[in-house]
Structures are given as structure tokens and as C-alpha cells.
């Protein structure tokens, strides 16, 4: 069968519209930023609003993940969709948005576009955990997550008022077992507290509504306080969200909480156990559903596999509405917009002045339609 030019152009148009995003592996920059005295670490400073908000952002970007989805388009999960207006503006993300974290993430992505915004969310969450005294997971970080910049189904996000059946359904969809989600959810509430005006987790002025007695330290005090408050009236019980109370009251939960709390003589060992298990669950969360590169530690990889690649094309397209004052988008001889600080080059150490973005989804769609229409009239 002879395929004419018309069919070829139609196929070209459809192929262009479906072109997969490019994964970038800027190991040089990522290793630098994972350091204990890096620009990223210093931007967070101490274990305060920025760091705690970053840890929380990782889960809130992930929480729409569907392990059983048949296509990446419907999978949800970690994809930087939390940076869209739709997801950023929901009530449960109010403190992340109100604390300036969302705009900080957007600006950071603009400054360092050779790494996907999703990878920055994940690496930043690991750096934040370390700053707050949690496990150092940065050596295990693997790059290659692809941004969506398209809101997922916000109805899938867990909330504090869910029924126990809804909690089971949500975390089963995310591929977590009961011990895993107890460790992740209650363990994350080692940090921060509750914004009593909204009833949602917050990370501003903690007392008297902090989750535990050390809201700026990632430790097992959430569980220690929970156990001790049952027998000692001088010990304040953790502030449990309604969903925390349900998770902590499930069969099997009491034994796990006790193991994380330890006894008077074993609190330190229990703290180590909790941090180790939390780190394992956190790594499972951030790696699920992605094709990833080598860990920053280089474990299991050759030197050739740790070479930077595709570092000028990791972020497909950043919405123009994200560009804050002081930034500009200018034409590139290479055929796409360059996003950079006004009057400066990109902050990325990529060997290029700045990032050449792929065409936006809208542009790609228009070009696709153009090719399809052109094919329909070619040689008519």
C-alpha cells in the first residue's frame, strides 16, 4: 500500500503532539545542591517554615498517585502538579501556598531549569529532612522525574476528615501497606503543628498547637508523647488530626507506635528505628512510578552512567504566569524561549547561558493541529 504525503504529515502532527518529555540528569548540579552548605540548604536555613513546608509538599504532590493506572497520563503522583493554580489553591495546601513555598518552588525551577521541578521538590524534601534532624536520604536521590504542570484529580488527595475506609482505599491506591502509611503520615507530624484557623497542618507559630513537644526537630517524640500522655498527666498528648486518630487506632497500630516510642531505657534506639523506617517509606514514595537515573552516591553505576545528559531540556515548559518580577523570557537562536533572570545568565552550571525550553503544551497542540490540517488538504 502506498502512503502519500498527506498521511505522512498527519502522522507527523500526531507524533509531535505526543512527543514524550525529555529526562535530564544534571548530576553535577544535583550533587552540589545536595551538600550541607549548598545554596539549596542555605535557602532553607533552620528547620522552620521553608524546610517543614518542603517535606509536606513532597507528599502533597505525590498523594494523587494511582499505582494501578494503565498510563502515565492518569497515574498522578510526583509531577510538580502541586505548582499549578488548581492544586496550590486547595484548602489542604493553604499553608504551603500562604507560607510562600509555592512561589519559591516556581522561582527555583526558573533559576535551575536543567533539573525538573519534580526532582527539585524531591531533593529539597530530602535536604529539609536532614536539616530537621531526620535521615539523610540525599545520597539515594535519583534524578529523572518528568513534570506535568497539569493538575491531577484533587478529589484523590487525602484529607484530615476522611473515614477509615476512605483512608484504606487512598493508601492502597498509592501502594502503601498499613505500617507504611502509619509511619509516613504520623511520622511526618513529627514536624510542625496545626493552623487552628483552618484546621490543617501548618508550620508557623507552633505552640500550643504543635503536633509534639519538638515541632522543629524530626524525631520520635510524636510517638513518645502519645504513649507517655496515657499515664502521665504532665505530658501533653500530641495534637492528633481526626485522620491521625483513626490511623493510630487501627488494629496493629498500637504495637507499631510503641516500637517507635520505645521505653524509658530505649528511646534512643526507638528513635533510630523510626528514622530508618521513615526513610525507607519516603524513598518508596519518591521513586514509585518513575524511570530514574543513578543515585547521587553512584552506588551500582559506572562513571559513564553518571555523566550529565539532556541538561538543557529537563523542564518541558514553564507557564509564563510563573515568571515573577526580575525574570524575562527571550527568544533563543536554538528555537525556543530562554527563561532567565533579567540581565543575568541561568544559575545552572550547564555550560550554556540559560535553558532552552521545549514548546509549551499549547504551542505543541497548535503545531499538531496545523500538521493534521495541512495533511488533510495536501494535494487535494
Protein backbone atom coordinates (compact mmCIF):
# COMPACT_ATOMS: atom_id res chain seq x y z
CA UNK A 1 0.00 0.00 0.00
CA UNK A 2 1.35 3.42 -0.95
CA UNK A 3 1.42 6.05 1.79
CA UNK A 4 1.08 9.54 0.38
CA UNK A 5 2.44 12.82 1.70
CA UNK A 6 -0.91 13.62 3.29
CA UNK A 7 -0.78 10.60 5.58
CA UNK A 8 2.83 11.29 6.42
CA UNK A 9 2.06 14.83 7.57
CA UNK A 10 -0.91 13.65 9.65
CA UNK A 11 1.31 11.10 11.38
CA UNK A 12 3.99 13.74 11.89
CA UNK A 13 1.50 16.06 13.52
CA UNK A 14 0.19 13.37 15.85
CA UNK A 15 3.69 12.24 16.74
CA UNK A 16 4.74 15.79 17.58
CA UNK A 17 1.80 16.32 19.90
CA UNK A 18 2.57 13.06 21.70
CA UNK A 19 6.33 13.59 21.98
CA UNK A 20 7.42 12.45 25.45
CA UNK A 21 9.14 14.88 27.79
CA UNK A 22 12.92 14.67 27.94
CA UNK A 23 14.51 13.45 31.15
CA UNK A 24 17.58 15.33 32.29
CA UNK A 25 20.39 14.15 34.52
CA UNK A 26 22.43 17.09 35.81
CA UNK A 27 24.42 15.14 38.38
CA UNK A 28 26.95 17.95 38.78
CA UNK A 29 24.36 20.49 39.90
CA UNK A 30 22.36 17.99 41.98
CA UNK A 31 25.41 16.83 43.93
CA UNK A 32 26.35 20.44 44.58
CA UNK A 33 22.86 21.35 45.81
CA UNK A 34 22.62 18.24 48.00
CA UNK A 35 25.62 19.44 50.00
CA UNK A 36 25.37 20.60 53.58
CA UNK A 37 26.49 24.14 52.69
CA UNK A 38 24.77 24.47 49.33
CA UNK A 39 22.57 27.26 48.01
CA UNK A 40 19.55 24.98 48.48
CA UNK A 41 20.47 24.10 52.07
CA UNK A 42 21.17 27.73 52.92
CA UNK A 43 17.88 28.86 51.35
CA UNK A 44 16.03 26.74 53.92
CA UNK A 45 18.24 27.74 56.83
CA UNK A 46 16.99 26.12 60.01
CA UNK A 47 14.12 23.70 60.48
CA UNK A 48 11.42 26.33 60.08
CA UNK A 49 8.58 27.14 57.73
CA UNK A 50 10.52 26.61 54.49
CA UNK A 51 12.03 23.25 55.43
CA UNK A 52 8.90 21.84 57.05
CA UNK A 53 6.77 23.07 54.18
CA UNK A 54 9.10 21.39 51.69
CA UNK A 55 8.76 17.99 53.40
CA UNK A 56 5.00 18.35 53.36
CA UNK A 57 4.99 19.38 49.70
CA UNK A 58 6.58 16.09 48.65
CA UNK A 59 3.64 14.06 49.98
CA UNK A 60 1.01 16.51 48.77
CA UNK A 61 2.40 16.39 45.24
CA UNK A 62 2.57 12.59 45.41
CA UNK A 63 -0.78 11.84 47.05
CA UNK A 64 -2.82 11.56 43.81
CA UNK A 65 -0.65 8.60 42.75
CA UNK A 66 -2.53 5.60 41.35
CA UNK A 67 -0.32 2.52 41.29
CA UNK A 68 -2.85 0.69 39.11
CA UNK A 69 -3.19 3.34 36.40
CA UNK A 70 -2.74 1.96 32.90
CA UNK A 71 -0.99 5.05 31.57
CA UNK A 72 1.29 7.78 32.88
CA UNK A 73 -1.35 10.33 31.90
CA UNK A 74 -3.71 9.01 34.58
CA UNK A 75 -1.09 7.96 37.13
CA UNK A 76 -0.79 11.25 39.02
CA UNK A 77 1.82 11.29 41.75
CA UNK A 78 5.03 13.30 41.89
CA UNK A 79 4.97 15.50 38.80
CA UNK A 80 5.07 19.11 40.11
CA UNK A 81 1.32 19.42 39.60
CA UNK A 82 1.12 20.96 43.08
CA UNK A 83 2.62 24.07 41.47
CA UNK A 84 -0.47 24.55 39.30
CA UNK A 85 -3.04 27.07 40.45
CA UNK A 86 -5.69 24.34 40.80
CA UNK A 87 -3.71 22.25 43.28
CA UNK A 88 -1.92 25.12 45.01
CA UNK A 89 -5.21 26.78 45.90
CA UNK A 90 -7.00 23.90 47.61
CA UNK A 91 -7.56 24.28 51.36
CA UNK A 92 -5.20 21.50 52.41
CA UNK A 93 -2.35 23.23 50.59
CA UNK A 94 -3.17 26.61 52.10
CA UNK A 95 -0.18 26.78 54.43
CA UNK A 96 2.23 25.69 51.70
CA UNK A 97 0.87 28.43 49.46
CA UNK A 98 0.44 31.02 52.19
CA UNK A 99 3.95 30.47 53.51
CA UNK A 100 5.41 31.42 50.15
CA UNK A 101 6.64 27.91 49.38
CA UNK A 102 4.78 27.54 46.09
CA UNK A 103 6.25 30.74 44.66
CA UNK A 104 9.68 29.78 45.97
CA UNK A 105 9.47 26.41 44.17
CA UNK A 106 8.40 28.10 40.95
CA UNK A 107 11.20 30.65 41.15
CA UNK A 108 13.75 27.96 42.00
CA UNK A 109 12.65 25.94 38.95
CA UNK A 110 13.07 29.02 36.77
CA UNK A 111 16.55 29.61 38.12
CA UNK A 112 17.64 25.98 37.76
CA UNK A 113 15.76 24.58 34.74
CA UNK A 114 18.28 21.87 33.87
CA UNK A 115 16.65 19.78 36.61
CA UNK A 116 12.91 19.10 36.55
CA UNK A 117 10.77 20.91 39.09
CA UNK A 118 9.66 17.49 40.39
CA UNK A 119 13.24 16.45 41.04
CA UNK A 120 13.80 19.71 42.91
CA UNK A 121 10.73 19.05 45.06
CA UNK A 122 12.06 15.60 45.96
CA UNK A 123 15.70 16.60 46.56
CA UNK A 124 14.56 19.64 48.54
CA UNK A 125 12.39 17.40 50.72
CA UNK A 126 15.42 15.22 51.44
CA UNK A 127 17.59 18.25 52.27
CA UNK A 128 14.82 19.54 54.55
CA UNK A 129 14.61 16.23 56.39
CA UNK A 130 18.35 16.35 57.01
CA UNK A 131 18.20 19.95 58.24
CA UNK A 132 15.45 18.98 60.68
CA UNK A 133 17.44 16.07 62.10
CA UNK A 134 15.89 13.31 60.02
CA UNK A 135 17.61 10.67 57.91
CA UNK A 136 20.00 11.91 55.21
CA UNK A 137 18.50 10.43 52.05
CA UNK A 138 20.33 12.67 49.59
CA UNK A 139 22.90 10.01 48.59
CA UNK A 140 19.97 7.82 47.48
CA UNK A 141 18.38 10.55 45.34
CA UNK A 142 17.98 9.54 41.70
CA UNK A 143 17.03 12.11 39.01
CA UNK A 144 14.74 11.76 36.03
CA UNK A 145 11.22 12.66 37.16
CA UNK A 146 9.17 14.40 34.49
CA UNK A 147 6.99 17.44 35.15
CA UNK A 148 3.34 17.54 34.23
CA UNK A 149 2.32 21.10 35.16
CA UNK A 150 -1.21 19.79 34.74
CA UNK A 151 -3.45 19.46 37.78
CA UNK A 152 -4.32 15.95 38.84
CA UNK A 153 -7.66 14.89 40.31
CA UNK A 154 -7.69 16.84 43.57
CA UNK A 155 -10.53 14.67 44.86
CA UNK A 156 -7.93 11.94 45.35
CA UNK A 157 -5.93 13.93 47.90
CA UNK A 158 -6.36 12.55 51.44
CA UNK A 159 -7.76 14.96 53.99
CA UNK A 160 -7.99 15.12 57.76
CA UNK A 161 -11.71 14.26 57.85
CA UNK A 162 -11.62 11.05 55.79
CA UNK A 163 -13.32 7.92 57.08
CA UNK A 164 -11.14 4.93 57.92
CA UNK A 165 -12.45 3.09 54.85
CA UNK A 166 -11.51 6.07 52.67
CA UNK A 167 -8.04 6.15 54.24
CA UNK A 168 -7.58 2.45 53.43
CA UNK A 169 -8.72 3.00 49.84
CA UNK A 170 -6.49 6.03 49.33
CA UNK A 171 -3.29 4.46 50.60
CA UNK A 172 -3.96 1.14 48.87
CA UNK A 173 -4.23 3.16 45.64
CA UNK A 174 -0.82 4.64 46.48
CA UNK A 175 0.59 1.14 47.06
CA UNK A 176 1.25 1.60 50.78
CA UNK A 177 0.69 -1.03 53.46
CA UNK A 178 -0.84 -0.12 56.83
CA UNK A 179 2.53 0.02 58.67
CA UNK A 180 3.96 2.12 55.82
CA UNK A 181 1.26 4.78 55.80
CA UNK A 182 1.18 4.96 59.60
CA UNK A 183 4.94 5.55 59.55
CA UNK A 184 4.67 8.15 56.78
CA UNK A 185 1.63 10.11 57.96
CA UNK A 186 2.12 10.09 61.73
CA UNK A 187 5.90 10.26 61.30
CA UNK A 188 5.64 13.39 59.15
CA UNK A 189 3.74 15.01 62.00
CA UNK A 190 6.94 14.98 63.98
CA UNK A 191 7.34 18.38 62.34
CA UNK A 192 5.15 21.46 62.54
CA UNK A 193 1.72 21.86 64.00
CA UNK A 194 -1.86 22.77 63.30
CA UNK A 195 -3.16 26.07 62.00
CA UNK A 196 -6.20 26.38 64.21
CA UNK A 197 -7.94 28.86 61.91
CA UNK A 198 -8.04 26.37 59.04
CA UNK A 199 -7.67 23.13 60.96
CA UNK A 200 -4.98 21.99 58.56
CA UNK A 201 -1.33 21.21 59.28
CA UNK A 202 0.78 24.31 59.50
CA UNK A 203 4.32 25.35 60.23
CA UNK A 204 4.27 28.88 61.54
CA UNK A 205 3.98 29.59 65.26
CA UNK A 206 3.66 26.10 66.71
CA UNK A 207 2.86 26.13 70.46
CA UNK A 208 0.36 25.47 71.81
CA UNK A 209 -0.85 23.65 68.71
CA UNK A 210 2.29 21.80 67.68
CA UNK A 211 1.98 18.13 66.85
CA UNK A 212 4.52 17.15 69.51
CA UNK A 213 6.90 18.68 72.04
CA UNK A 214 9.70 19.22 69.48
CA UNK A 215 7.97 20.64 66.38
CA UNK A 216 11.21 21.81 64.77
CA UNK A 217 13.07 18.52 65.22
CA UNK A 218 12.42 15.34 63.26
CA UNK A 219 12.37 12.69 65.98
CA UNK A 220 10.12 10.11 67.61
CA UNK A 221 8.64 12.47 70.21
CA UNK A 222 5.27 12.33 68.48
CA UNK A 223 5.10 8.66 69.49
CA UNK A 224 6.85 9.16 72.85
CA UNK A 225 4.31 11.83 73.81
CA UNK A 226 1.43 9.65 72.64
CA UNK A 227 2.47 6.78 74.92
CA UNK A 228 3.56 8.88 77.92
CA UNK A 229 0.42 11.03 77.97
CA UNK A 230 -1.68 7.95 78.70
CA UNK A 231 -0.12 7.52 82.13
CA UNK A 232 1.39 10.91 82.96
CA UNK A 233 -0.95 13.89 83.09
CA UNK A 234 2.03 16.26 82.91
CA UNK A 235 2.85 15.09 79.40
CA UNK A 236 0.80 16.73 76.69
CA UNK A 237 -0.67 14.34 74.15
CA UNK A 238 0.27 15.03 70.53
CA UNK A 239 -2.24 17.08 68.60
CA UNK A 240 -3.88 14.38 66.51
CA UNK A 241 -5.83 15.33 63.42
CA UNK A 242 -9.05 13.32 63.08
CA UNK A 243 -7.36 11.19 60.41
CA UNK A 244 -4.33 10.64 62.70
CA UNK A 245 -6.64 9.38 65.42
CA UNK A 246 -8.21 6.87 63.03
CA UNK A 247 -4.84 5.67 61.72
CA UNK A 248 -3.47 5.39 65.26
CA UNK A 249 -6.48 3.40 66.46
CA UNK A 250 -6.37 0.69 63.81
CA UNK A 251 -5.58 -2.91 64.80
CA UNK A 252 -1.82 -3.31 64.95
CA UNK A 253 -1.17 0.43 65.21
CA UNK A 254 -0.60 0.43 68.99
CA UNK A 255 2.30 -2.02 68.77
CA UNK A 256 3.96 -0.02 65.98
CA UNK A 257 3.54 3.26 67.86
CA UNK A 258 5.04 1.63 70.95
CA UNK A 259 8.02 0.38 68.93
CA UNK A 260 8.67 3.93 67.69
CA UNK A 261 8.28 5.38 71.19
CA UNK A 262 10.43 2.79 72.92
CA UNK A 263 10.71 2.62 76.69
CA UNK A 264 12.46 4.88 79.16
CA UNK A 265 15.69 2.99 78.58
CA UNK A 266 15.33 2.55 74.82
CA UNK A 267 14.04 5.87 73.45
CA UNK A 268 17.26 6.49 71.50
CA UNK A 269 17.16 3.08 69.85
CA UNK A 270 13.47 3.54 69.04
CA UNK A 271 14.26 6.94 67.51
CA UNK A 272 16.83 5.30 65.23
CA UNK A 273 14.30 2.59 64.28
CA UNK A 274 11.66 5.20 63.45
CA UNK A 275 14.01 7.31 61.32
CA UNK A 276 15.27 4.27 59.42
CA UNK A 277 11.76 3.04 58.63
CA UNK A 278 10.55 6.52 57.75
CA UNK A 279 13.45 6.88 55.35
CA UNK A 280 12.58 3.58 53.68
CA UNK A 281 8.94 4.58 53.17
CA UNK A 282 9.92 8.06 51.98
CA UNK A 283 12.24 6.56 49.34
CA UNK A 284 9.48 4.21 48.19
CA UNK A 285 7.16 7.20 47.80
CA UNK A 286 9.51 9.37 45.77
CA UNK A 287 10.69 6.61 43.43
CA UNK A 288 7.34 4.99 42.60
CA UNK A 289 6.13 5.39 39.03
CA UNK A 290 9.32 6.86 37.58
CA UNK A 291 12.18 5.76 35.35
CA UNK A 292 15.17 7.16 37.18
CA UNK A 293 18.90 7.54 36.77
CA UNK A 294 21.75 6.69 39.11
CA UNK A 295 21.82 7.67 42.80
CA UNK A 296 23.96 10.64 43.71
CA UNK A 297 26.15 8.25 45.70
CA UNK A 298 27.00 6.50 42.44
CA UNK A 299 26.24 3.12 44.01
CA UNK A 300 25.76 0.41 41.38
CA UNK A 301 26.66 2.73 38.49
CA UNK A 302 29.68 3.22 36.29
CA UNK A 303 31.41 6.55 35.77
CA UNK A 304 29.93 6.71 32.27
CA UNK A 305 26.40 6.46 33.70
CA UNK A 306 26.99 9.43 35.98
CA UNK A 307 27.78 11.82 33.15
CA UNK A 308 25.42 14.80 32.82
CA UNK A 309 22.94 14.39 29.94
CA UNK A 310 19.97 16.27 28.46
CA UNK A 311 20.63 19.04 30.96
CA UNK A 312 19.26 21.76 28.71
CA UNK A 313 15.88 20.12 28.25
CA UNK A 314 14.68 18.73 31.57
CA UNK A 315 11.79 21.13 32.08
CA UNK A 316 9.47 20.97 29.09
CA UNK A 317 7.83 24.39 29.51
CA UNK A 318 7.20 26.66 32.45
CA UNK A 319 3.93 28.63 32.32
CA UNK A 320 4.55 32.29 31.62
CA UNK A 321 2.38 33.18 34.62
CA UNK A 322 5.09 31.74 36.84
CA UNK A 323 7.72 34.25 35.78
CA UNK A 324 7.99 36.72 38.67
CA UNK A 325 9.35 40.23 38.62
CA UNK A 326 13.01 40.29 37.71
CA UNK A 327 12.81 37.46 35.18
CA UNK A 328 12.34 37.52 31.43
CA UNK A 329 11.63 35.17 28.56
CA UNK A 330 13.62 35.97 25.43
CA UNK A 331 13.91 34.29 22.01
CA UNK A 332 16.65 31.72 21.50
CA UNK A 333 18.56 31.07 18.28
CA UNK A 334 18.05 27.38 19.04
CA UNK A 335 14.32 27.70 18.53
CA UNK A 336 12.61 28.16 21.87
CA UNK A 337 12.26 30.67 24.69
CA UNK A 338 15.15 31.25 27.08
CA UNK A 339 13.98 31.80 30.64
CA UNK A 340 16.49 33.71 32.71
CA UNK A 341 16.96 36.32 35.37
CA UNK A 342 16.78 39.75 33.81
CA UNK A 343 20.26 40.84 32.86
CA UNK A 344 21.91 37.60 34.03
CA UNK A 345 22.57 34.08 32.83
CA UNK A 346 20.90 31.00 34.23
CA UNK A 347 22.04 29.84 37.66
CA UNK A 348 22.60 26.35 36.28
CA UNK A 349 26.16 25.25 35.68
CA UNK A 350 25.34 23.62 32.40
CA UNK A 351 27.90 25.26 30.17
CA UNK A 352 25.08 27.17 28.47
CA UNK A 353 23.90 30.67 29.22
CA UNK A 354 20.43 29.50 30.11
CA UNK A 355 17.75 26.94 29.49
CA UNK A 356 16.16 26.40 26.09
CA UNK A 357 12.65 25.25 26.87
CA UNK A 358 10.62 22.89 24.75
CA UNK A 359 7.49 24.41 23.17
CA UNK A 360 4.62 24.81 25.61
CA UNK A 361 1.76 22.32 25.53
CA UNK A 362 -0.41 24.95 23.86
CA UNK A 363 2.16 25.57 21.14
CA UNK A 364 2.68 21.86 20.59
CA UNK A 365 -1.08 21.36 20.29
CA UNK A 366 -1.39 24.17 17.76
CA UNK A 367 1.51 22.82 15.72
CA UNK A 368 -0.01 19.35 15.84
CA UNK A 369 -3.34 20.70 14.59
CA UNK A 370 -1.52 22.60 11.85
CA UNK A 371 0.20 19.46 10.59
CA UNK A 372 -3.03 17.44 10.70
CA UNK A 373 -4.96 20.10 8.83
CA UNK A 374 -2.15 20.51 6.33
CA UNK A 375 -2.21 16.79 5.73
CA UNK A 376 -5.93 16.87 5.03
CA UNK A 377 -5.57 19.40 2.23
CA UNK A 378 -2.20 18.42 0.78
CA UNK A 379 -2.52 17.57 -2.90
CA UNK A 380 -6.30 17.83 -2.65
